Amino acid sequence: MGFVLHQRLAADTLAVGELGLSRVLMMNDARYPWVILVPRVAGLRELHELDREVRIRLQDESCAVAGYLVQRFAPVKLNIASLGNLVSQYHLHHVVRYDDDPAWPGPVWGHSPAVPYTAEAARERLSDLRGGLGL
């Protein structure tokens, strides 16, 4: 069986596009610029399961996303994390943080329910991310 996006990731995000290795998603929470990379590798649960060359490709994609998010949004901090407690499929979060965001200084996970983008705001943010990431 090939790569299939976990149903929870599909439900909680909007599709941005595809990089060489990863599907790029935007978390549907308008309070935070939040991008998720999901390597298109069937059954992947942990980073160490990837061959070295593929891990390097993932790191390069993560750095490209991180660089764009920092350049575009000028955060106080960019949190990059892979937790997997609720979704075991390997995925890598890139969350722009400001010292006045609702969850600061704690983690965004479990802080409060997401505030979905309006249709117009989602279109604008997706267009911005696609342009900035060359998708």
N, C-alpha and C. Protein backbone atom coordinates (compact mmCIF):
# COMPACT_ATOMS: atom_id res chain seq x y z
N MET A 1 0.84 -1.19 0.00
CA MET A 1 0.00 0.00 0.00
C MET A 1 0.88 1.24 0.00
N GLY A 2 0.49 2.24 -0.76
CA GLY A 2 1.26 3.46 -0.87
C GLY A 2 0.95 4.46 0.24
N PHE A 3 1.51 5.64 0.09
CA PHE A 3 1.31 6.71 1.06
C PHE A 3 -0.15 7.11 1.13
N VAL A 4 -0.66 7.23 2.35
CA VAL A 4 -2.02 7.72 2.60
C VAL A 4 -1.92 8.69 3.77
N LEU A 5 -2.45 9.88 3.60
CA LEU A 5 -2.44 10.88 4.67
C LEU A 5 -3.39 10.45 5.78
N HIS A 6 -2.92 10.52 7.02
CA HIS A 6 -3.73 10.16 8.19
C HIS A 6 -5.00 11.01 8.21
N GLN A 7 -6.10 10.40 8.54
CA GLN A 7 -7.40 11.09 8.49
C GLN A 7 -7.46 12.31 9.41
N ARG A 8 -6.80 12.27 10.53
CA ARG A 8 -6.82 13.43 11.43
C ARG A 8 -6.06 14.61 10.83
N LEU A 9 -4.91 14.33 10.21
CA LEU A 9 -4.18 15.40 9.53
C LEU A 9 -5.03 15.98 8.40
N ALA A 10 -5.69 15.11 7.65
CA ALA A 10 -6.54 15.58 6.56
C ALA A 10 -7.67 16.45 7.08
N ALA A 11 -8.24 16.09 8.22
CA ALA A 11 -9.37 16.83 8.78
C ALA A 11 -8.97 18.17 9.38
N ASP A 12 -7.76 18.26 9.92
CA ASP A 12 -7.33 19.45 10.66
C ASP A 12 -6.56 20.46 9.83
N THR A 13 -6.30 20.13 8.55
CA THR A 13 -5.42 20.97 7.75
C THR A 13 -6.02 21.29 6.39
N LEU A 14 -5.35 22.19 5.70
CA LEU A 14 -5.65 22.52 4.31
C LEU A 14 -4.40 22.24 3.49
N ALA A 15 -4.58 21.71 2.30
CA ALA A 15 -3.44 21.34 1.46
C ALA A 15 -2.78 22.57 0.86
N VAL A 16 -1.47 22.67 1.03
CA VAL A 16 -0.69 23.74 0.43
C VAL A 16 -0.11 23.26 -0.89
N GLY A 17 0.51 22.08 -0.90
CA GLY A 17 1.10 21.55 -2.12
C GLY A 17 2.05 20.41 -1.82
N GLU A 18 2.93 20.14 -2.78
CA GLU A 18 3.85 19.02 -2.68
C GLU A 18 5.27 19.51 -2.94
N LEU A 19 6.17 19.16 -2.04
CA LEU A 19 7.60 19.33 -2.28
C LEU A 19 8.13 18.00 -2.81
N GLY A 20 9.41 17.89 -3.05
CA GLY A 20 9.97 16.67 -3.60
C GLY A 20 9.67 15.43 -2.78
N LEU A 21 9.73 15.56 -1.46
CA LEU A 21 9.50 14.43 -0.56
C LEU A 21 8.18 14.56 0.19
N SER A 22 7.82 15.76 0.57
CA SER A 22 6.76 15.95 1.55
C SER A 22 5.49 16.59 0.99
N ARG A 23 4.38 16.19 1.55
CA ARG A 23 3.13 16.91 1.38
C ARG A 23 3.18 18.07 2.35
N VAL A 24 2.80 19.25 1.89
CA VAL A 24 2.82 20.46 2.71
C VAL A 24 1.38 20.80 3.06
N LEU A 25 1.14 20.94 4.36
CA LEU A 25 -0.20 21.23 4.86
C LEU A 25 -0.16 22.49 5.71
N MET A 26 -1.30 23.16 5.81
CA MET A 26 -1.45 24.31 6.69
C MET A 26 -2.48 23.94 7.75
N MET A 27 -2.09 24.06 9.01
CA MET A 27 -3.05 23.80 10.08
C MET A 27 -4.17 24.82 9.98
N ASN A 28 -5.40 24.35 10.09
CA ASN A 28 -6.56 25.23 9.98
C ASN A 28 -6.83 25.90 11.33
N ASP A 29 -5.89 26.75 11.72
CA ASP A 29 -5.99 27.54 12.95
C ASP A 29 -5.43 28.92 12.64
N ALA A 30 -6.32 29.88 12.48
CA ALA A 30 -5.94 31.22 12.02
C ALA A 30 -5.11 31.99 13.03
N ARG A 31 -4.96 31.50 14.24
CA ARG A 31 -4.19 32.23 15.25
C ARG A 31 -2.69 32.10 15.05
N TYR A 32 -2.26 31.08 14.30
CA TYR A 32 -0.84 30.81 14.14
C TYR A 32 -0.52 30.46 12.69
N PRO A 33 0.44 31.11 12.07
CA PRO A 33 0.96 30.56 10.81
C PRO A 33 1.61 29.21 11.15
N TRP A 34 1.11 28.13 10.54
CA TRP A 34 1.47 26.78 11.01
C TRP A 34 1.49 25.85 9.81
N VAL A 35 2.67 25.36 9.48
CA VAL A 35 2.85 24.49 8.33
C VAL A 35 3.32 23.12 8.83
N ILE A 36 2.81 22.08 8.20
CA ILE A 36 3.17 20.71 8.55
C ILE A 36 3.72 20.02 7.30
N LEU A 37 4.86 19.37 7.46
CA LEU A 37 5.43 18.54 6.39
C LEU A 37 5.15 17.08 6.72
N VAL A 38 4.64 16.35 5.74
CA VAL A 38 4.39 14.91 5.90
C VAL A 38 5.14 14.19 4.78
N PRO A 39 6.24 13.52 5.10
CA PRO A 39 6.94 12.79 4.05
C PRO A 39 6.01 11.74 3.42
N ARG A 40 6.02 11.69 2.10
CA ARG A 40 5.16 10.74 1.39
C ARG A 40 5.84 9.37 1.35
N VAL A 41 5.94 8.77 2.53
CA VAL A 41 6.55 7.45 2.71
C VAL A 41 5.53 6.59 3.43
N ALA A 42 5.10 5.53 2.80
CA ALA A 42 4.07 4.67 3.38
C ALA A 42 4.54 4.08 4.71
N GLY A 43 3.67 4.18 5.71
CA GLY A 43 3.91 3.55 7.00
C GLY A 43 4.94 4.22 7.88
N LEU A 44 5.45 5.38 7.51
CA LEU A 44 6.50 6.04 8.29
C LEU A 44 5.95 6.55 9.62
N ARG A 45 6.61 6.14 10.70
CA ARG A 45 6.20 6.57 12.05
C ARG A 45 7.28 7.39 12.76
N GLU A 46 8.55 7.11 12.46
CA GLU A 46 9.65 7.76 13.17
C GLU A 46 10.73 8.21 12.19
N LEU A 47 11.39 9.29 12.51
CA LEU A 47 12.43 9.86 11.66
C LEU A 47 13.54 8.86 11.38
N HIS A 48 13.95 8.11 12.38
CA HIS A 48 15.08 7.19 12.21
C HIS A 48 14.79 6.07 11.21
N GLU A 49 13.53 5.89 10.84
CA GLU A 49 13.17 4.86 9.86
C GLU A 49 13.56 5.25 8.43
N LEU A 50 13.83 6.51 8.22
CA LEU A 50 14.22 6.98 6.88
C LEU A 50 15.70 6.72 6.62
N ASP A 51 16.02 6.39 5.39
CA ASP A 51 17.42 6.31 4.99
C ASP A 51 18.06 7.68 5.17
N ARG A 52 19.37 7.70 5.36
CA ARG A 52 20.10 8.95 5.60
C ARG A 52 19.82 9.99 4.52
N GLU A 53 19.85 9.58 3.26
CA GLU A 53 19.65 10.52 2.16
C GLU A 53 18.25 11.13 2.21
N VAL A 54 17.27 10.34 2.58
CA VAL A 54 15.88 10.83 2.67
C VAL A 54 15.73 11.75 3.87
N ARG A 55 16.40 11.42 4.98
CA ARG A 55 16.37 12.31 6.15
C ARG A 55 16.95 13.67 5.79
N ILE A 56 18.02 13.67 5.02
CA ILE A 56 18.64 14.93 4.60
C ILE A 56 17.67 15.72 3.72
N ARG A 57 16.99 15.04 2.81
CA ARG A 57 15.99 15.72 1.96
C ARG A 57 14.90 16.35 2.83
N LEU A 58 14.44 15.60 3.84
CA LEU A 58 13.41 16.14 4.73
C LEU A 58 13.93 17.35 5.50
N GLN A 59 15.15 17.26 5.99
CA GLN A 59 15.74 18.39 6.71
C GLN A 59 15.87 19.61 5.79
N ASP A 60 16.27 19.39 4.55
CA ASP A 60 16.37 20.50 3.60
C ASP A 60 15.00 21.13 3.36
N GLU A 61 13.97 20.31 3.21
CA GLU A 61 12.62 20.85 3.02
C GLU A 61 12.16 21.61 4.26
N SER A 62 12.44 21.07 5.44
CA SER A 62 12.08 21.74 6.68
C SER A 62 12.80 23.08 6.79
N CYS A 63 14.06 23.12 6.44
CA CYS A 63 14.81 24.38 6.51
C CYS A 63 14.27 25.40 5.52
N ALA A 64 13.85 24.95 4.35
CA ALA A 64 13.26 25.87 3.37
C ALA A 64 11.95 26.45 3.91
N VAL A 65 11.11 25.61 4.50
CA VAL A 65 9.86 26.09 5.10
C VAL A 65 10.16 27.04 6.24
N ALA A 66 11.07 26.65 7.11
CA ALA A 66 11.43 27.49 8.26
C ALA A 66 11.96 28.85 7.80
N GLY A 67 12.84 28.84 6.84
CA GLY A 67 13.41 30.09 6.35
C GLY A 67 12.34 31.01 5.80
N TYR A 68 11.42 30.46 5.04
CA TYR A 68 10.34 31.29 4.51
C TYR A 68 9.46 31.83 5.64
N LEU A 69 9.07 30.98 6.58
CA LEU A 69 8.19 31.43 7.66
C LEU A 69 8.84 32.54 8.49
N VAL A 70 10.11 32.41 8.78
CA VAL A 70 10.82 33.44 9.56
C VAL A 70 10.91 34.73 8.76
N GLN A 71 11.25 34.62 7.48
CA GLN A 71 11.35 35.81 6.63
C GLN A 71 9.99 36.50 6.49
N ARG A 72 8.96 35.73 6.30
CA ARG A 72 7.63 36.29 6.04
C ARG A 72 6.94 36.81 7.29
N PHE A 73 7.07 36.09 8.42
CA PHE A 73 6.26 36.41 9.60
C PHE A 73 7.05 37.00 10.76
N ALA A 74 8.37 37.02 10.69
CA ALA A 74 9.23 37.60 11.73
C ALA A 74 8.79 37.20 13.14
N PRO A 75 8.78 35.90 13.43
CA PRO A 75 8.32 35.46 14.75
C PRO A 75 9.35 35.73 15.84
N VAL A 76 8.87 35.70 17.08
CA VAL A 76 9.77 35.69 18.23
C VAL A 76 10.49 34.35 18.25
N LYS A 77 9.78 33.29 17.89
CA LYS A 77 10.33 31.94 17.86
C LYS A 77 9.58 31.11 16.84
N LEU A 78 10.29 30.26 16.14
CA LEU A 78 9.66 29.29 15.26
C LEU A 78 9.82 27.93 15.92
N ASN A 79 8.71 27.33 16.32
CA ASN A 79 8.75 26.00 16.92
C ASN A 79 8.67 24.95 15.82
N ILE A 80 9.62 24.03 15.82
CA ILE A 80 9.62 22.92 14.89
C ILE A 80 9.62 21.65 15.73
N ALA A 81 8.60 20.81 15.51
CA ALA A 81 8.45 19.64 16.37
C ALA A 81 7.72 18.51 15.68
N SER A 82 8.05 17.32 16.13
CA SER A 82 7.35 16.12 15.72
C SER A 82 6.94 15.39 16.98
N LEU A 83 5.64 15.35 17.26
CA LEU A 83 5.18 14.71 18.48
C LEU A 83 4.60 13.32 18.20
N GLY A 84 3.49 13.27 17.50
CA GLY A 84 2.93 11.99 17.12
C GLY A 84 2.12 11.27 18.19
N ASN A 85 1.75 11.95 19.26
CA ASN A 85 0.97 11.30 20.29
C ASN A 85 -0.44 10.98 19.82
N LEU A 86 -1.03 11.85 19.02
CA LEU A 86 -2.38 11.62 18.50
C LEU A 86 -2.38 11.07 17.09
N VAL A 87 -1.35 11.41 16.32
CA VAL A 87 -1.22 10.95 14.93
C VAL A 87 0.15 10.29 14.81
N SER A 88 0.16 8.98 14.68
CA SER A 88 1.44 8.27 14.65
C SER A 88 2.18 8.43 13.33
N GLN A 89 1.48 8.81 12.25
CA GLN A 89 2.16 9.03 10.97
C GLN A 89 3.16 10.17 11.15
N TYR A 90 4.41 9.96 10.72
CA TYR A 90 5.43 10.97 10.93
C TYR A 90 5.05 12.27 10.21
N HIS A 91 5.09 13.36 10.95
CA HIS A 91 4.84 14.68 10.40
C HIS A 91 5.61 15.69 11.24
N LEU A 92 5.96 16.81 10.60
CA LEU A 92 6.83 17.79 11.23
C LEU A 92 6.14 19.16 11.23
N HIS A 93 5.84 19.65 12.43
CA HIS A 93 5.17 20.94 12.60
C HIS A 93 6.17 22.08 12.54
N HIS A 94 5.74 23.20 11.94
CA HIS A 94 6.49 24.46 11.91
C HIS A 94 5.50 25.53 12.35
N VAL A 95 5.61 26.00 13.60
CA VAL A 95 4.62 26.90 14.17
C VAL A 95 5.27 28.25 14.48
N VAL A 96 4.77 29.30 13.85
CA VAL A 96 5.22 30.66 14.11
C VAL A 96 4.65 31.11 15.46
N ARG A 97 5.55 31.60 16.33
CA ARG A 97 5.12 32.01 17.67
C ARG A 97 5.51 33.46 17.94
N TYR A 98 4.61 34.13 18.64
CA TYR A 98 4.83 35.50 19.10
C TYR A 98 4.59 35.54 20.60
N ASP A 99 5.22 36.47 21.29
CA ASP A 99 5.05 36.53 22.74
C ASP A 99 3.68 37.05 23.17
N ASP A 100 2.82 37.39 22.21
CA ASP A 100 1.45 37.78 22.55
C ASP A 100 0.42 36.82 21.95
N ASP A 101 0.88 35.64 21.47
CA ASP A 101 -0.10 34.70 20.93
C ASP A 101 -0.85 34.02 22.09
N PRO A 102 -2.00 33.43 21.82
CA PRO A 102 -2.85 32.91 22.90
C PRO A 102 -2.19 31.86 23.79
N ALA A 103 -1.26 31.09 23.29
CA ALA A 103 -0.67 30.01 24.07
C ALA A 103 0.68 30.36 24.69
N TRP A 104 1.24 31.51 24.32
CA TRP A 104 2.58 31.87 24.77
C TRP A 104 2.66 31.91 26.28
N PRO A 105 3.69 31.44 26.91
CA PRO A 105 4.88 30.82 26.36
C PRO A 105 4.77 29.29 26.27
N GLY A 106 3.61 28.76 26.54
CA GLY A 106 3.42 27.30 26.50
C GLY A 106 3.24 26.78 25.09
N PRO A 107 3.06 25.47 24.98
CA PRO A 107 2.84 24.86 23.66
C PRO A 107 1.45 25.18 23.12
N VAL A 108 1.33 25.16 21.81
CA VAL A 108 0.03 25.41 21.18
C VAL A 108 -0.88 24.19 21.30
N TRP A 109 -0.29 23.00 21.39
CA TRP A 109 -1.08 21.77 21.45
C TRP A 109 -1.88 21.71 22.74
N GLY A 110 -3.18 21.51 22.60
CA GLY A 110 -4.04 21.35 23.75
C GLY A 110 -4.35 22.63 24.51
N HIS A 111 -3.85 23.76 24.02
CA HIS A 111 -4.09 25.01 24.73
C HIS A 111 -5.56 25.41 24.68
N SER A 112 -6.13 25.38 23.49
CA SER A 112 -7.52 25.78 23.29
C SER A 112 -7.95 25.31 21.90
N PRO A 113 -9.25 25.27 21.66
CA PRO A 113 -9.71 24.82 20.34
C PRO A 113 -9.20 25.74 19.22
N ALA A 114 -8.96 25.13 18.08
CA ALA A 114 -8.51 25.89 16.91
C ALA A 114 -9.56 26.90 16.49
N VAL A 115 -9.10 27.99 15.90
CA VAL A 115 -9.98 28.99 15.31
C VAL A 115 -9.80 28.88 13.80
N PRO A 116 -10.74 28.21 13.11
CA PRO A 116 -10.56 27.98 11.67
C PRO A 116 -10.48 29.28 10.88
N TYR A 117 -9.74 29.22 9.78
CA TYR A 117 -9.67 30.34 8.87
C TYR A 117 -11.05 30.56 8.22
N THR A 118 -11.36 31.81 7.92
CA THR A 118 -12.50 32.07 7.05
C THR A 118 -12.08 31.62 5.65
N ALA A 119 -13.04 31.43 4.77
CA ALA A 119 -12.71 30.98 3.41
C ALA A 119 -11.75 31.96 2.74
N GLU A 120 -12.01 33.25 2.88
CA GLU A 120 -11.16 34.25 2.23
C GLU A 120 -9.76 34.28 2.84
N ALA A 121 -9.68 34.24 4.18
CA ALA A 121 -8.38 34.25 4.84
C ALA A 121 -7.58 32.99 4.49
N ALA A 122 -8.25 31.86 4.37
CA ALA A 122 -7.57 30.62 3.99
C ALA A 122 -7.01 30.74 2.58
N ARG A 123 -7.79 31.26 1.66
CA ARG A 123 -7.31 31.44 0.28
C ARG A 123 -6.08 32.33 0.25
N GLU A 124 -6.12 33.43 1.01
CA GLU A 124 -5.00 34.36 1.03
C GLU A 124 -3.75 33.72 1.63
N ARG A 125 -3.91 33.03 2.77
CA ARG A 125 -2.75 32.41 3.42
C ARG A 125 -2.18 31.29 2.55
N LEU A 126 -3.05 30.48 1.95
CA LEU A 126 -2.58 29.41 1.07
C LEU A 126 -1.83 29.98 -0.13
N SER A 127 -2.34 31.04 -0.71
CA SER A 127 -1.68 31.68 -1.85
C SER A 127 -0.31 32.21 -1.43
N ASP A 128 -0.24 32.82 -0.27
CA ASP A 128 1.01 33.35 0.28
C ASP A 128 2.02 32.23 0.47
N LEU A 129 1.59 31.14 1.10
CA LEU A 129 2.50 30.02 1.36
C LEU A 129 2.96 29.38 0.05
N ARG A 130 2.03 29.19 -0.88
CA ARG A 130 2.40 28.58 -2.16
C ARG A 130 3.42 29.43 -2.90
N GLY A 131 3.18 30.74 -2.92
CA GLY A 131 4.12 31.63 -3.59
C GLY A 131 5.48 31.63 -2.91
N GLY A 132 5.48 31.72 -1.59
CA GLY A 132 6.72 31.78 -0.84
C GLY A 132 7.53 30.50 -0.87
N LEU A 133 6.83 29.36 -1.00
CA LEU A 133 7.50 28.06 -1.02
C LEU A 133 7.70 27.53 -2.45
N GLY A 134 7.27 28.31 -3.43
CA GLY A 134 7.44 27.91 -4.82
C GLY A 134 6.59 26.71 -5.22
N LEU A 135 5.38 26.67 -4.69
CA LEU A 135 4.48 25.53 -4.98
C LEU A 135 3.37 25.93 -5.94
